[in-house]
Amino acid sequence: MSYPTLFTTAGVKAFAEAVDAERQRQLAKWGDQRHRDGTRASNREWADEARAACQHAADEDALSWAAILYEEFTEVLAEEDPAKLRAELVQVAAVCAAWISDLDRRPTDEAGEPR
């Protein structure tokens, strides 16, 4: 399927297409689902700890995609306001897009395996 050019950030079009394909698989398997958010303000301490750990890793030049995603994910779990929760979920998706973009740009050997 071809979409009009909507994305300007390198790799985001491919990411959006992959997410769309996965959503189609999910819809085919489970249908359109509705669930509670399951987030709790009491998770704020967990999010604060993840943020501090991420900052510490950055300060030590040891930052990883896993640490960044973990921080963003814990912020999702601590947010109860629907508008703010949506913004946090978008941040998680953006970190996933950045991580995938980084993976896709890594050098590979002749067999296509990461070096």
C-alpha atoms as a PDB file:
ATOM      1  CA  MET A   1       0.000   0.000   0.000  1.00  0.00           C
ATOM      2  CA  SER A   2       1.303   3.452  -0.820  1.00  0.00           C
ATOM      3  CA  TYR A   3       0.618   6.451   1.383  1.00  0.00           C
ATOM      4  CA  PRO A   4       1.061  10.122   0.560  1.00  0.00           C
ATOM      5  CA  THR A   5       4.266  11.598   1.907  1.00  0.00           C
ATOM      6  CA  LEU A   6       3.333  12.535   5.456  1.00  0.00           C
ATOM      7  CA  PHE A   7       6.531  11.754   7.297  1.00  0.00           C
ATOM      8  CA  THR A   8       9.669  13.849   7.193  1.00  0.00           C
ATOM      9  CA  THR A   9      11.811  12.011   9.748  1.00  0.00           C
ATOM     10  CA  ALA A  10      13.966   9.280   8.238  1.00  0.00           C
ATOM     11  CA  GLY A  11      12.597   5.825   8.988  1.00  0.00           C
ATOM     12  CA  VAL A  12       9.237   6.949  10.352  1.00  0.00           C
ATOM     13  CA  LYS A  13       7.275   5.929   7.244  1.00  0.00           C
ATOM     14  CA  ALA A  14       8.646   2.379   7.461  1.00  0.00           C
ATOM     15  CA  PHE A  15       7.955   2.365  11.215  1.00  0.00           C
ATOM     16  CA  ALA A  16       4.358   3.522  10.696  1.00  0.00           C
ATOM     17  CA  GLU A  17       3.816   0.892   8.014  1.00  0.00           C
ATOM     18  CA  ALA A  18       5.202  -1.826  10.304  1.00  0.00           C
ATOM     19  CA  VAL A  19       2.969  -0.659  13.161  1.00  0.00           C
ATOM     20  CA  ASP A  20      -0.033  -0.573  10.818  1.00  0.00           C
ATOM     21  CA  ALA A  21       0.702  -4.111   9.624  1.00  0.00           C
ATOM     22  CA  GLU A  22       0.984  -5.310  13.232  1.00  0.00           C
ATOM     23  CA  ARG A  23      -2.306  -3.593  14.134  1.00  0.00           C
ATOM     24  CA  GLN A  24      -3.985  -5.356  11.208  1.00  0.00           C
ATOM     25  CA  ARG A  25      -2.685  -8.709  12.532  1.00  0.00           C
ATOM     26  CA  GLN A  26      -3.958  -7.845  16.030  1.00  0.00           C
ATOM     27  CA  LEU A  27      -7.373  -6.814  14.730  1.00  0.00           C
ATOM     28  CA  ALA A  28      -7.642  -9.996  12.687  1.00  0.00           C
ATOM     29  CA  LYS A  29      -6.712 -12.135  15.689  1.00  0.00           C
ATOM     30  CA  TRP A  30      -8.601 -10.389  18.530  1.00  0.00           C
ATOM     31  CA  GLY A  31     -10.902  -7.838  16.912  1.00  0.00           C
ATOM     32  CA  ASP A  32     -11.274  -4.281  18.181  1.00  0.00           C
ATOM     33  CA  GLN A  33     -10.584  -4.391  21.908  1.00  0.00           C
ATOM     34  CA  ARG A  34     -11.552  -2.053  24.754  1.00  0.00           C
ATOM     35  CA  HIS A  35      -9.801  -2.242  28.154  1.00  0.00           C
ATOM     36  CA  ARG A  36      -9.196  -0.115  31.228  1.00  0.00           C
ATOM     37  CA  ASP A  37      -5.989   1.915  31.159  1.00  0.00           C
ATOM     38  CA  GLY A  38      -4.684   0.248  34.309  1.00  0.00           C
ATOM     39  CA  THR A  39      -2.414   3.163  35.157  1.00  0.00           C
ATOM     40  CA  ARG A  40      -1.991   4.433  38.724  1.00  0.00           C
ATOM     41  CA  ALA A  41      -0.559   7.580  40.237  1.00  0.00           C
ATOM     42  CA  SER A  42       1.089   5.306  42.806  1.00  0.00           C
ATOM     43  CA  ASN A  43       3.473   4.255  40.014  1.00  0.00           C
ATOM     44  CA  ARG A  44       4.982   7.768  40.062  1.00  0.00           C
ATOM     45  CA  GLU A  45       7.795   6.661  42.411  1.00  0.00           C
ATOM     46  CA  TRP A  46       8.711   3.898  39.953  1.00  0.00           C
ATOM     47  CA  ALA A  47       8.751   6.437  37.111  1.00  0.00           C
ATOM     48  CA  ASP A  48      10.875   8.850  39.150  1.00  0.00           C
ATOM     49  CA  GLU A  49      13.393   6.077  39.881  1.00  0.00           C
ATOM     50  CA  ALA A  50      13.538   5.137  36.191  1.00  0.00           C
ATOM     51  CA  ARG A  51      14.067   8.789  35.232  1.00  0.00           C
ATOM     52  CA  ALA A  52      16.902   9.137  37.751  1.00  0.00           C
ATOM     53  CA  ALA A  53      18.525   5.904  36.550  1.00  0.00           C
ATOM     54  CA  CYS A  54      18.284   7.069  32.944  1.00  0.00           C
ATOM     55  CA  GLN A  55      19.833  10.418  33.827  1.00  0.00           C
ATOM     56  CA  HIS A  56      22.611   8.667  35.760  1.00  0.00           C
ATOM     57  CA  ALA A  57      23.328   6.439  32.751  1.00  0.00           C
ATOM     58  CA  ALA A  58      23.454   9.522  30.518  1.00  0.00           C
ATOM     59  CA  ASP A  59      25.817  11.254  32.952  1.00  0.00           C
ATOM     60  CA  GLU A  60      28.075   8.180  32.921  1.00  0.00           C
ATOM     61  CA  ASP A  61      28.001   7.937  29.104  1.00  0.00           C
ATOM     62  CA  ALA A  62      26.243   4.582  29.468  1.00  0.00           C
ATOM     63  CA  LEU A  63      22.791   5.489  28.145  1.00  0.00           C
ATOM     64  CA  SER A  64      20.932   2.739  26.287  1.00  0.00           C
ATOM     65  CA  TRP A  65      17.735   2.513  24.304  1.00  0.00           C
ATOM     66  CA  ALA A  66      16.468   0.064  26.914  1.00  0.00           C
ATOM     67  CA  ALA A  67      16.946   2.640  29.683  1.00  0.00           C
ATOM     68  CA  ILE A  68      15.208   5.354  27.660  1.00  0.00           C
ATOM     69  CA  LEU A  69      12.264   3.129  26.757  1.00  0.00           C
ATOM     70  CA  TYR A  70      11.978   1.891  30.343  1.00  0.00           C
ATOM     71  CA  GLU A  71      11.811   5.478  31.596  1.00  0.00           C
ATOM     72  CA  GLU A  72       9.110   6.405  29.098  1.00  0.00           C
ATOM     73  CA  PHE A  73       7.156   3.209  29.804  1.00  0.00           C
ATOM     74  CA  THR A  74       7.135   3.792  33.559  1.00  0.00           C
ATOM     75  CA  GLU A  75       5.866   7.328  32.950  1.00  0.00           C
ATOM     76  CA  VAL A  76       2.962   5.789  31.010  1.00  0.00           C
ATOM     77  CA  LEU A  77       2.141   3.522  33.936  1.00  0.00           C
ATOM     78  CA  ALA A  78       2.047   6.485  36.324  1.00  0.00           C
ATOM     79  CA  GLU A  79      -0.213   8.775  34.247  1.00  0.00           C
ATOM     80  CA  GLU A  80      -3.957   8.797  34.865  1.00  0.00           C
ATOM     81  CA  ASP A  81      -4.987  11.931  32.941  1.00  0.00           C
ATOM     82  CA  PRO A  82      -6.132  10.708  29.484  1.00  0.00           C
ATOM     83  CA  ALA A  83      -4.579  13.616  27.522  1.00  0.00           C
ATOM     84  CA  LYS A  84      -1.255  13.288  29.343  1.00  0.00           C
ATOM     85  CA  LEU A  85      -1.384   9.489  29.031  1.00  0.00           C
ATOM     86  CA  ARG A  86      -1.820   9.840  25.277  1.00  0.00           C
ATOM     87  CA  ALA A  87       1.185  12.174  25.114  1.00  0.00           C
ATOM     88  CA  GLU A  88       3.280   9.674  27.094  1.00  0.00           C
ATOM     89  CA  LEU A  89       2.227   6.826  24.791  1.00  0.00           C
ATOM     90  CA  VAL A  90       3.260   8.916  21.786  1.00  0.00           C
ATOM     91  CA  GLN A  91       6.646   9.402  23.453  1.00  0.00           C
ATOM     92  CA  VAL A  92       6.971   5.618  23.863  1.00  0.00           C
ATOM     93  CA  ALA A  93       6.157   5.147  20.175  1.00  0.00           C
ATOM     94  CA  ALA A  94       8.705   7.815  19.200  1.00  0.00           C
ATOM     95  CA  VAL A  95      11.423   6.129  21.256  1.00  0.00           C
ATOM     96  CA  CYS A  96      10.538   2.813  19.593  1.00  0.00           C
ATOM     97  CA  ALA A  97      10.809   4.507  16.178  1.00  0.00           C
ATOM     98  CA  ALA A  98      14.204   5.971  17.087  1.00  0.00           C
ATOM     99  CA  TRP A  99      15.486   2.637  18.386  1.00  0.00           C
ATOM    100  CA  ILE A 100      14.309   0.816  15.251  1.00  0.00           C
ATOM    101  CA  SER A 101      15.923   3.509  13.095  1.00  0.00           C
ATOM    102  CA  ASP A 102      19.192   2.997  14.965  1.00  0.00           C
ATOM    103  CA  LEU A 103      18.955  -0.786  14.490  1.00  0.00           C
ATOM    104  CA  ASP A 104      18.263  -0.370  10.787  1.00  0.00           C
ATOM    105  CA  ARG A 105      21.336   1.847  10.294  1.00  0.00           C
ATOM    106  CA  ARG A 106      23.809  -0.466  12.023  1.00  0.00           C
ATOM    107  CA  PRO A 107      26.448  -2.072   9.846  1.00  0.00           C
ATOM    108  CA  THR A 108      25.915  -5.687   8.857  1.00  0.00           C
ATOM    109  CA  ASP A 109      28.157  -8.394   7.479  1.00  0.00           C
ATOM    110  CA  GLU A 110      27.699 -10.057   4.080  1.00  0.00           C
ATOM    111  CA  ALA A 111      24.946 -12.301   5.499  1.00  0.00           C
ATOM    112  CA  GLY A 112      23.028  -9.275   6.800  1.00  0.00           C
ATOM    113  CA  GLU A 113      23.889 -10.018  10.429  1.00  0.00           C
ATOM    114  CA  PRO A 114      24.806  -7.117  12.742  1.00  0.00           C
ATOM    115  CA  ARG A 115      28.530  -6.669  13.297  1.00  0.00           C
END
